[in-house]
Amino acid sequence: FVLTTLWDRTAIAADVSINWCDVKQTMHGFGASSAFFGDTISASVADQLFDAKKGIGLSLLRVQIGLPADVQGDGSEPTASARPVATSPEFNTAKQAIARGCQVWATAWTPPPIWKTTNNKNGSGSGFSSNKLKPENYQNYANYLADFVDLMTKGGVPLIALSPANEPDYVATWDNAQWSGSELKTFVAQNLGPTFASRCPAVKIVVPDTANWSNLDSYVTPLMTDDTTKGYVSIIATHPYGISASDLTYSKPQQNGKEFWQTEWSQENMSGDTPDPSMKRALDMVQNMHKHLTVTQMNAWSWWAIYITYDALASADTDHVRQNPALIQSTGSGIDPYMFKRGYALGN
């Protein structure tokens, strides 16, 4: 009662008008990713993440298209007997999400190593001068992605969308491959688009999933100026890292009749950070979300990771510079993962 009284005393006296007829974008959903870290979660954690009454009610889950089972410890595939068949490392998490009303879509971090210029899953940050899918394997890769859709569907996880390239503009040391805008245009127009139209027409094609906002237009322009490619693409996606206020008004996806998704955002600090469950981080997240939705008018918004244990974080991040990736995570050794305040903020 005291808080209510104090709030009333300091309330701003201003009229607010609501115009129900001023329709903005349609929202497809809000989500996060299970890639790398969220392949094993309990039913109670699934409730916290995906159940709209017991938890925060995420409506989109982004899963990773897993590496072929024959990828070796050094990141390569056997040159004599490679079997590039995608796996689904987060299938059990996806099943739990589906059971709670969440929609699932998928992203490939890399094509099968044997079809790349490197025969290695890792990006050029590991010392490769070229890290691309060979053009002669474009159709093999399109079939591979359609096979993954079939794998998930038969297991009871129908996919609503698929992205063939995660962060094609970024040079990573982990699972990664580079694509130019023109290369993605050719792949979608000549291979992925026709293959999906024939084998899985209900699954929407998502491109380009760039890492940096400043690189987005160099992909969107070639994708949208080619009528064939444009006809196959349903969703333009990006990870708006490096965004500034002056960049927020980008509207080329909407101008071309495409949904515009924000498919990954995180507060990790590559210069070093610690797990931060604070309300300050939660407010920073929702302020950025608000800008993306109201200025850029995106149709979907997703956080990076859903869940990670302390041991998994320590194992994956040996340099201890990316310690703050998930909605549910641990803050130290011996501490069970729990929902950070940003998770509740996203749910609200």
Protein backbone atom coordinates (compact mmCIF):
# COMPACT_ATOMS: atom_id res chain seq x y z
CA PHE A 1 0.00 0.00 0.00
CA VAL A 2 2.85 2.38 0.77
CA LEU A 3 4.44 1.65 -2.59
CA THR A 4 1.14 2.28 -4.34
CA THR A 5 0.74 5.59 -2.52
CA LEU A 6 4.26 6.70 -3.40
CA TRP A 7 3.73 5.69 -7.03
CA ASP A 8 0.49 7.67 -7.17
CA ARG A 9 2.18 10.74 -5.77
CA THR A 10 4.93 10.67 -8.40
CA ALA A 11 2.76 9.65 -11.34
CA ILE A 12 3.14 11.71 -14.49
CA ALA A 13 -0.06 13.57 -15.32
CA ALA A 14 -0.44 12.93 -19.06
CA ASP A 15 -3.10 11.65 -21.40
CA VAL A 16 -2.44 8.51 -23.42
CA SER A 17 -4.28 7.73 -26.64
CA ILE A 18 -4.52 4.20 -28.03
CA ASN A 19 -5.41 3.75 -31.68
CA TRP A 20 -6.54 0.16 -32.21
CA CYS A 21 -6.67 0.68 -35.99
CA ASP A 22 -2.97 1.58 -36.35
CA VAL A 23 -1.82 -1.98 -37.03
CA LYS A 24 1.91 -2.68 -36.87
CA GLN A 25 3.77 -5.90 -37.68
CA THR A 26 2.44 -9.36 -36.85
CA MET A 27 4.59 -11.10 -34.24
CA HIS A 28 5.57 -14.67 -35.02
CA GLY A 29 7.09 -15.37 -31.62
CA PHE A 30 9.79 -15.02 -28.99
CA GLY A 31 12.45 -17.63 -28.38
CA ALA A 32 16.00 -18.80 -27.77
CA SER A 33 18.41 -21.49 -28.93
CA SER A 34 19.37 -24.91 -27.58
CA ALA A 35 22.47 -25.13 -29.81
CA PHE A 36 25.63 -26.58 -28.21
CA PHE A 37 24.46 -26.32 -24.58
CA GLY A 38 20.77 -27.18 -24.29
CA ASP A 39 20.64 -30.73 -25.60
CA THR A 40 19.75 -32.24 -22.22
CA ILE A 41 17.20 -30.53 -20.00
CA SER A 42 14.82 -31.88 -17.37
CA ALA A 43 11.04 -31.71 -17.55
CA SER A 44 11.03 -29.01 -14.87
CA VAL A 45 13.48 -26.87 -16.87
CA ALA A 46 11.35 -27.42 -19.99
CA ASP A 47 8.34 -26.19 -18.00
CA GLN A 48 10.24 -23.06 -16.97
CA LEU A 49 11.21 -22.32 -20.56
CA PHE A 50 8.28 -23.39 -22.72
CA ASP A 51 5.14 -23.65 -20.59
CA ALA A 52 3.12 -20.43 -20.68
CA LYS A 53 1.57 -21.06 -17.24
CA LYS A 54 4.41 -22.73 -15.34
CA GLY A 55 7.21 -20.72 -16.94
CA ILE A 56 8.10 -17.92 -19.35
CA GLY A 57 6.36 -19.48 -22.36
CA LEU A 58 8.93 -19.25 -25.14
CA SER A 59 7.13 -19.82 -28.44
CA LEU A 60 10.17 -20.39 -30.71
CA LEU A 61 13.08 -22.80 -30.26
CA ARG A 62 16.11 -22.59 -32.54
CA VAL A 63 17.90 -25.95 -32.82
CA GLN A 64 21.19 -26.82 -34.42
CA ILE A 65 21.46 -29.08 -37.46
CA GLY A 66 23.99 -31.47 -35.99
CA LEU A 67 27.23 -32.62 -37.53
CA PRO A 68 27.34 -35.99 -39.30
CA ALA A 69 28.12 -38.84 -36.93
CA ASP A 70 31.37 -39.64 -38.73
CA VAL A 71 33.00 -36.28 -37.97
CA GLN A 72 36.26 -37.05 -36.22
CA GLY A 73 37.93 -35.44 -33.24
CA ASP A 74 39.96 -33.10 -35.41
CA GLY A 75 36.80 -31.80 -37.11
CA SER A 76 37.22 -33.68 -40.40
CA GLU A 77 35.37 -36.54 -42.06
CA PRO A 78 37.06 -39.67 -43.44
CA THR A 79 38.08 -38.94 -47.02
CA ALA A 80 37.50 -42.51 -48.21
CA SER A 81 34.12 -43.33 -46.67
CA ALA A 82 32.43 -40.13 -45.53
CA ARG A 83 28.72 -40.41 -44.71
CA PRO A 84 27.34 -36.85 -44.52
CA VAL A 85 24.07 -37.46 -42.71
CA ALA A 86 22.91 -34.76 -40.28
CA THR A 87 22.25 -35.60 -36.65
CA SER A 88 19.91 -33.92 -34.17
CA PRO A 89 21.78 -33.39 -30.87
CA GLU A 90 18.92 -31.39 -29.32
CA PHE A 91 16.09 -33.67 -30.40
CA ASN A 92 14.91 -34.43 -26.84
CA THR A 93 14.80 -30.74 -25.97
CA ALA A 94 12.86 -30.05 -29.16
CA LYS A 95 10.37 -32.80 -28.28
CA GLN A 96 9.78 -31.20 -24.88
CA ALA A 97 9.32 -27.80 -26.48
CA ILE A 98 6.79 -29.15 -28.99
CA ALA A 99 4.84 -30.84 -26.19
CA ARG A 100 4.45 -27.47 -24.49
CA GLY A 101 3.20 -25.61 -27.56
CA CYS A 102 6.51 -24.19 -28.82
CA GLN A 103 7.41 -24.08 -32.52
CA VAL A 104 10.82 -25.37 -33.61
CA TRP A 105 13.09 -24.22 -36.41
CA ALA A 106 16.66 -25.15 -37.33
CA THR A 107 19.98 -23.61 -38.35
CA ALA A 108 23.11 -25.18 -39.86
CA TRP A 109 26.34 -23.84 -38.40
CA THR A 110 28.36 -25.59 -41.10
CA PRO A 111 27.86 -27.90 -44.07
CA PRO A 112 29.38 -31.38 -43.70
CA PRO A 113 33.16 -30.99 -43.48
CA ILE A 114 33.90 -33.30 -46.42
CA TRP A 115 31.98 -30.99 -48.79
CA LYS A 116 33.91 -27.88 -47.74
CA THR A 117 37.19 -26.47 -49.00
CA THR A 118 38.75 -27.41 -45.63
CA ASN A 119 37.28 -30.82 -44.80
CA ASN A 120 36.88 -29.40 -41.32
CA LYS A 121 33.89 -28.27 -39.30
CA ASN A 122 35.68 -25.25 -37.85
CA GLY A 123 35.89 -21.76 -39.26
CA SER A 124 38.83 -19.93 -40.78
CA GLY A 125 39.69 -18.63 -37.34
CA SER A 126 41.36 -22.01 -36.90
CA GLY A 127 43.88 -21.15 -39.62
CA PHE A 128 42.16 -21.98 -42.92
CA SER A 129 42.61 -19.61 -45.85
CA SER A 130 39.25 -20.65 -47.33
CA ASN A 131 36.21 -22.00 -45.50
CA LYS A 132 33.37 -22.49 -47.97
CA LEU A 133 31.01 -25.12 -49.31
CA LYS A 134 32.32 -26.27 -52.70
CA PRO A 135 29.86 -25.31 -55.48
CA GLU A 136 29.85 -28.87 -56.80
CA ASN A 137 28.29 -29.91 -53.49
CA TYR A 138 25.48 -27.33 -53.45
CA GLN A 139 22.84 -29.89 -54.43
CA ASN A 140 24.23 -32.48 -52.02
CA TYR A 141 23.88 -29.91 -49.25
CA ALA A 142 20.30 -29.02 -50.26
CA ASN A 143 19.39 -32.73 -50.10
CA TYR A 144 21.16 -33.03 -46.75
CA LEU A 145 19.05 -30.21 -45.29
CA ALA A 146 15.82 -31.70 -46.65
CA ASP A 147 16.84 -35.05 -45.14
CA PHE A 148 17.19 -33.31 -41.77
CA VAL A 149 13.65 -31.95 -42.10
CA ASP A 150 12.46 -35.50 -42.77
CA LEU A 151 14.41 -36.82 -39.77
CA MET A 152 12.78 -34.31 -37.43
CA THR A 153 9.30 -34.76 -38.87
CA LYS A 154 9.42 -38.55 -38.53
CA GLY A 155 10.50 -38.12 -34.91
CA GLY A 156 7.54 -35.90 -34.11
CA VAL A 157 9.26 -32.51 -34.40
CA PRO A 158 7.92 -30.73 -37.49
CA LEU A 159 10.09 -27.74 -38.37
CA ILE A 160 8.50 -24.43 -39.34
CA ALA A 161 11.66 -22.95 -40.88
CA LEU A 162 15.30 -23.63 -41.68
CA SER A 163 18.41 -21.48 -42.14
CA PRO A 164 21.25 -23.01 -44.21
CA ALA A 165 23.98 -20.73 -42.84
CA ASN A 166 24.57 -19.35 -39.36
CA GLU A 167 26.56 -16.10 -39.43
CA PRO A 168 27.98 -16.47 -42.97
CA ASP A 169 29.78 -13.13 -42.55
CA TYR A 170 31.70 -14.17 -39.41
CA VAL A 171 35.08 -15.91 -39.15
CA ALA A 172 34.89 -18.29 -36.19
CA THR A 173 37.08 -20.93 -34.58
CA TRP A 174 34.04 -23.16 -33.96
CA ASP A 175 31.55 -24.75 -36.43
CA ASN A 176 31.38 -22.24 -39.27
CA ALA A 177 31.48 -21.55 -43.01
CA GLN A 178 31.58 -18.33 -45.00
CA TRP A 179 29.08 -17.42 -47.73
CA SER A 180 28.84 -14.25 -49.76
CA GLY A 181 25.49 -12.74 -50.64
CA SER A 182 25.82 -13.86 -54.25
CA GLU A 183 26.74 -17.41 -53.21
CA LEU A 184 23.70 -17.68 -50.96
CA LYS A 185 21.56 -16.28 -53.77
CA THR A 186 22.79 -18.97 -56.17
CA PHE A 187 22.39 -21.76 -53.61
CA VAL A 188 18.81 -20.77 -52.73
CA ALA A 189 17.72 -20.14 -56.33
CA GLN A 190 19.24 -23.22 -57.92
CA ASN A 191 19.40 -25.79 -55.12
CA LEU A 192 17.75 -25.19 -51.75
CA GLY A 193 14.62 -23.47 -53.05
CA PRO A 194 13.66 -26.08 -55.67
CA THR A 195 14.54 -28.94 -53.29
CA PHE A 196 12.39 -27.60 -50.46
CA ALA A 197 9.55 -26.72 -52.86
CA SER A 198 9.51 -30.37 -53.90
CA ARG A 199 10.25 -32.18 -50.64
CA CYS A 200 9.17 -29.94 -47.74
CA PRO A 201 7.18 -26.95 -49.07
CA ALA A 202 5.75 -26.05 -45.66
CA VAL A 203 9.21 -25.29 -44.24
CA LYS A 204 10.16 -21.63 -44.66
CA ILE A 205 13.65 -20.71 -45.86
CA VAL A 206 15.50 -18.28 -43.57
CA VAL A 207 18.47 -16.21 -44.78
CA PRO A 208 21.06 -14.75 -44.28
CA ASP A 209 21.34 -14.98 -40.45
CA THR A 210 24.27 -12.54 -40.43
CA ALA A 211 26.36 -11.92 -37.33
CA ASN A 212 26.70 -8.18 -37.80
CA TRP A 213 23.97 -5.67 -38.56
CA SER A 214 26.30 -3.65 -40.76
CA ASN A 215 26.73 -6.63 -43.11
CA LEU A 216 23.04 -7.40 -43.51
CA ASP A 217 22.28 -5.30 -46.57
CA SER A 218 25.16 -6.79 -48.56
CA TYR A 219 23.24 -10.07 -48.35
CA VAL A 220 19.66 -8.84 -48.53
CA THR A 221 20.21 -6.81 -51.70
CA PRO A 222 21.38 -9.73 -53.92
CA LEU A 223 18.83 -12.08 -52.34
CA MET A 224 15.91 -9.73 -52.99
CA THR A 225 16.94 -8.40 -56.42
CA ASP A 226 16.84 -11.88 -57.93
CA ASP A 227 13.19 -12.83 -58.52
CA THR A 228 13.81 -16.57 -58.30
CA THR A 229 15.64 -16.35 -54.99
CA LYS A 230 13.12 -13.87 -53.62
CA GLY A 231 10.30 -16.26 -54.43
CA TYR A 232 11.84 -19.03 -52.33
CA VAL A 233 12.82 -16.90 -49.29
CA SER A 234 10.19 -16.34 -46.59
CA ILE A 235 12.21 -14.83 -43.75
CA ILE A 236 15.11 -12.37 -43.59
CA ALA A 237 17.08 -12.88 -40.38
CA THR A 238 20.00 -11.29 -38.60
CA HIS A 239 21.85 -11.14 -35.30
CA PRO A 240 21.92 -7.39 -34.61
CA TYR A 241 25.35 -7.16 -33.02
CA GLY A 242 27.13 -3.87 -33.53
CA ILE A 243 23.85 -2.02 -34.10
CA SER A 244 23.56 1.72 -33.59
CA ALA A 245 20.52 3.95 -33.27
CA SER A 246 20.95 5.30 -36.80
CA ASP A 247 20.81 1.78 -38.25
CA LEU A 248 17.50 0.75 -36.72
CA THR A 249 15.22 1.96 -39.49
CA TYR A 250 16.24 -0.75 -42.00
CA SER A 251 13.08 -1.93 -43.77
CA LYS A 252 14.14 -3.74 -46.95
CA PRO A 253 12.70 -7.10 -45.75
CA GLN A 254 9.24 -5.58 -45.26
CA GLN A 255 9.47 -3.71 -48.55
CA ASN A 256 9.96 -7.07 -50.25
CA GLY A 257 7.09 -8.74 -48.40
CA LYS A 258 9.30 -10.84 -46.11
CA GLU A 259 9.18 -11.44 -42.36
CA PHE A 260 12.12 -9.91 -40.51
CA TRP A 261 13.44 -12.01 -37.61
CA GLN A 262 16.03 -11.23 -34.96
CA THR A 263 17.40 -14.75 -34.45
CA GLU A 264 20.18 -14.29 -31.88
CA TRP A 265 21.19 -11.68 -29.35
CA SER A 266 23.38 -12.02 -26.27
CA GLN A 267 25.10 -9.97 -23.61
CA GLU A 268 28.32 -11.96 -23.69
CA ASN A 269 31.48 -9.87 -23.60
CA MET A 270 34.31 -11.21 -25.76
CA SER A 271 36.75 -9.19 -23.64
CA GLY A 272 35.73 -11.14 -20.55
CA ASP A 273 32.71 -11.28 -18.27
CA THR A 274 31.05 -13.21 -15.45
CA PRO A 275 27.56 -14.67 -15.08
CA ASP A 276 25.20 -11.76 -14.41
CA PRO A 277 21.66 -12.57 -13.19
CA SER A 278 20.92 -8.92 -12.35
CA MET A 279 17.93 -6.77 -13.18
CA LYS A 280 20.34 -4.31 -14.84
CA ARG A 281 21.11 -6.89 -17.52
CA ALA A 282 17.42 -7.76 -17.82
CA LEU A 283 16.50 -4.13 -18.45
CA ASP A 284 19.30 -3.76 -20.99
CA MET A 285 17.90 -6.77 -22.83
CA VAL A 286 14.31 -5.53 -22.95
CA GLN A 287 15.38 -2.03 -23.98
CA ASN A 288 17.15 -3.52 -26.98
CA MET A 289 14.19 -5.78 -27.71
CA HIS A 290 11.86 -2.78 -27.60
CA LYS A 291 13.96 -0.93 -30.18
CA HIS A 292 14.12 -3.96 -32.46
CA LEU A 293 10.34 -4.42 -32.30
CA THR A 294 9.13 -0.83 -32.43
CA VAL A 295 11.71 0.85 -34.66
CA THR A 296 12.92 -1.99 -36.89
CA GLN A 297 9.52 -3.70 -36.56
CA MET A 298 10.87 -7.24 -36.47
CA ASN A 299 8.44 -10.16 -36.49
CA ALA A 300 10.33 -12.45 -34.11
CA TRP A 301 12.90 -11.97 -31.37
CA SER A 302 15.23 -14.57 -29.89
CA TRP A 303 17.80 -14.66 -27.14
CA TRP A 304 20.95 -16.75 -27.66
CA ALA A 305 20.99 -19.75 -25.27
CA ILE A 306 18.26 -21.38 -23.21
CA TYR A 307 20.34 -23.32 -20.66
CA ILE A 308 23.88 -24.20 -19.60
CA THR A 309 25.46 -25.88 -16.59
CA TYR A 310 28.61 -24.63 -14.89
CA ASP A 311 30.64 -27.62 -16.10
CA ALA A 312 29.48 -27.17 -19.68
CA LEU A 313 30.28 -23.46 -19.59
CA ALA A 314 33.74 -24.11 -18.14
CA SER A 315 34.42 -26.77 -20.76
CA ALA A 316 33.21 -24.71 -23.71
CA ASP A 317 34.79 -21.45 -22.57
CA THR A 318 38.31 -22.30 -21.47
CA ASP A 319 39.38 -18.65 -21.72
CA HIS A 320 36.52 -17.60 -19.43
CA VAL A 321 35.55 -14.65 -21.60
CA ARG A 322 31.98 -15.68 -22.53
CA GLN A 323 30.38 -16.50 -19.20
CA ASN A 324 26.93 -14.98 -19.62
CA PRO A 325 25.08 -16.76 -22.46
CA ALA A 326 21.86 -18.29 -21.12
CA LEU A 327 18.43 -17.63 -19.70
CA ILE A 328 18.96 -20.45 -17.20
CA GLN A 329 22.55 -20.97 -16.05
CA SER A 330 24.84 -21.40 -13.09
CA THR A 331 26.78 -18.63 -11.40
CA GLY A 332 29.56 -20.83 -10.10
CA SER A 333 30.90 -24.27 -9.25
CA GLY A 334 28.42 -26.37 -7.29
CA ILE A 335 25.51 -24.01 -8.00
CA ASP A 336 22.61 -25.46 -9.95
CA PRO A 337 21.45 -23.48 -13.00
CA TYR A 338 18.54 -21.14 -12.31
CA MET A 339 16.48 -18.60 -14.23
CA PHE A 340 18.25 -15.26 -14.49
CA LYS A 341 16.15 -12.10 -14.29
CA ARG A 342 16.52 -11.60 -18.05
CA GLY A 343 14.59 -14.85 -18.49
CA TYR A 344 11.64 -13.51 -16.52
CA ALA A 345 11.89 -10.19 -18.36
CA LEU A 346 11.75 -12.01 -21.70
CA GLY A 347 8.75 -14.00 -20.49
CA ASN A 348 6.93 -10.82 -19.52
